[in-house]
Amino acid sequence: MKILGDDDSWDRLGSITQLLHQVASRVWDDAEPDSPLQSLGLGVYLAQAQASALLPEGYQLPDVDIEDLDNQSALQLLTAAEELTRPLPAHLPDLVNSSQLVADLCDLIREARGLGC
């Protein structure tokens, strides 16, 4: 069982996971065959899996109002996910791999900007 002093950290990771799911779905819906968007969608999906793997087993994801997300671009959602990582205590053993997630999110943001998402 994973132990973390601040339940807010798990809720942040859960929200990041849900944001990344929304981005991946949106990008793949917009992607044409052999489009660079497919590659971006795959990268976002992999980041989502990475965030999910950091969550404790059996963790229930927090509710997210999907309607609020509909008005935001994929880039805005990726940026929101990256911003949620900032207060995560990366020095804790349970979150030691969160620094890789942050680096991957920054790469995805850069890619999304280049694609005009």
Protein backbone atom coordinates (compact mmCIF):
# COMPACT_ATOMS: atom_id res chain seq x y z
CA MET A 1 0.00 0.00 0.00
CA LYS A 2 1.31 3.43 -0.89
CA ILE A 3 1.45 5.99 1.88
CA LEU A 4 1.60 9.70 1.30
CA GLY A 5 1.16 12.36 3.92
CA ASP A 6 -0.99 14.61 1.77
CA ASP A 7 -4.11 13.17 0.13
CA ASP A 8 -4.15 16.26 -2.07
CA SER A 9 -1.19 14.79 -3.97
CA TRP A 10 -3.22 11.75 -4.96
CA ASP A 11 -6.13 13.98 -6.01
CA ARG A 12 -3.72 16.04 -8.12
CA LEU A 13 -2.41 12.91 -9.82
CA GLY A 14 -5.97 11.71 -10.34
CA SER A 15 -6.90 15.03 -11.94
CA ILE A 16 -3.79 14.91 -14.12
CA THR A 17 -4.80 11.42 -15.26
CA GLN A 18 -8.28 12.61 -16.19
CA LEU A 19 -7.00 15.71 -17.99
CA LEU A 20 -4.60 13.59 -20.03
CA HIS A 21 -7.40 11.18 -20.93
CA GLN A 22 -9.44 14.11 -22.25
CA VAL A 23 -6.49 15.43 -24.26
CA ALA A 24 -5.69 12.03 -25.79
CA SER A 25 -9.32 11.48 -26.78
CA ARG A 26 -9.64 14.95 -28.26
CA VAL A 27 -6.38 14.77 -30.21
CA TRP A 28 -7.19 11.33 -31.65
CA ASP A 29 -10.67 12.50 -32.65
CA ASP A 30 -9.09 15.37 -34.60
CA ALA A 31 -6.26 13.35 -36.16
CA GLU A 32 -6.27 12.37 -39.80
CA PRO A 33 -4.57 9.11 -40.82
CA ASP A 34 -0.77 9.44 -40.61
CA SER A 35 -1.14 12.85 -38.98
CA PRO A 36 1.40 14.16 -36.44
CA LEU A 37 -1.60 14.46 -34.12
CA GLN A 38 -1.66 10.67 -33.86
CA SER A 39 1.86 10.76 -32.47
CA LEU A 40 0.89 13.49 -30.01
CA GLY A 41 -2.16 11.47 -28.95
CA LEU A 42 0.00 8.42 -28.31
CA GLY A 43 2.43 10.48 -26.25
CA VAL A 44 -0.42 11.89 -24.17
CA TYR A 45 -1.86 8.40 -23.69
CA LEU A 46 1.54 7.16 -22.46
CA ALA A 47 1.80 10.11 -20.05
CA GLN A 48 -1.68 9.25 -18.77
CA ALA A 49 -0.56 5.67 -18.12
CA GLN A 50 2.53 7.00 -16.37
CA ALA A 51 0.41 9.22 -14.08
CA SER A 52 -2.01 6.35 -13.42
CA ALA A 53 0.87 4.08 -12.42
CA LEU A 54 1.85 6.54 -9.68
CA LEU A 55 -1.59 6.27 -8.04
CA PRO A 56 -2.17 3.77 -5.25
CA GLU A 57 -3.97 0.56 -6.15
CA GLY A 58 -7.74 0.97 -5.85
CA TYR A 59 -7.58 4.77 -5.87
CA GLN A 60 -10.88 6.33 -6.96
CA LEU A 61 -10.41 9.20 -9.39
CA PRO A 62 -11.95 12.51 -8.31
CA ASP A 63 -14.93 13.85 -10.23
CA VAL A 64 -14.07 16.30 -12.98
CA ASP A 65 -16.65 18.48 -14.70
CA ILE A 66 -16.18 17.50 -18.34
CA GLU A 67 -18.23 20.48 -19.56
CA ASP A 68 -15.61 22.84 -18.12
CA LEU A 69 -12.98 21.05 -20.20
CA ASP A 70 -14.90 21.34 -23.48
CA ASN A 71 -14.02 25.03 -23.84
CA GLN A 72 -10.28 24.45 -23.50
CA SER A 73 -7.82 23.45 -26.18
CA ALA A 74 -5.59 20.40 -25.95
CA LEU A 75 -2.67 22.74 -25.25
CA GLN A 76 -4.54 24.41 -22.40
CA LEU A 77 -5.41 21.04 -20.87
CA LEU A 78 -1.81 19.84 -21.14
CA THR A 79 -0.64 23.05 -19.49
CA ALA A 80 -3.19 22.61 -16.70
CA ALA A 81 -1.95 19.05 -16.14
CA GLU A 82 1.66 20.25 -15.96
CA GLU A 83 0.71 23.01 -13.50
CA LEU A 84 -0.90 20.40 -11.23
CA THR A 85 2.45 18.60 -10.97
CA ARG A 86 4.29 21.60 -9.53
CA PRO A 87 3.37 21.10 -5.85
CA LEU A 88 3.85 17.31 -5.96
CA PRO A 89 6.47 16.22 -3.41
CA ALA A 90 8.85 14.46 -5.83
CA HIS A 91 11.25 13.58 -3.00
CA LEU A 92 8.84 10.98 -1.58
CA PRO A 93 9.49 7.37 -2.63
CA ASP A 94 5.94 6.96 -3.95
CA LEU A 95 6.38 9.89 -6.31
CA VAL A 96 10.02 9.51 -7.32
CA ASN A 97 8.97 8.91 -10.94
CA SER A 98 6.85 12.05 -11.07
CA SER A 99 9.85 14.04 -12.34
CA GLN A 100 9.78 11.97 -15.55
CA LEU A 101 6.06 12.74 -15.90
CA VAL A 102 6.80 16.46 -15.59
CA ALA A 103 9.51 16.25 -18.26
CA ASP A 104 7.18 14.31 -20.57
CA LEU A 105 4.39 16.84 -20.07
CA CYS A 106 6.76 19.68 -20.97
CA ASP A 107 7.74 17.82 -24.16
CA LEU A 108 4.06 17.25 -25.01
CA ILE A 109 3.27 20.94 -24.45
CA ARG A 110 6.11 21.89 -26.79
CA GLU A 111 4.84 19.41 -29.41
CA ALA A 112 1.24 20.64 -29.07
CA ARG A 113 2.38 24.24 -29.56
CA GLY A 114 4.28 23.24 -32.69
CA LEU A 115 1.17 21.53 -34.06
CA GLY A 116 -1.09 24.48 -33.26
CA CYS A 117 -3.27 22.57 -30.81
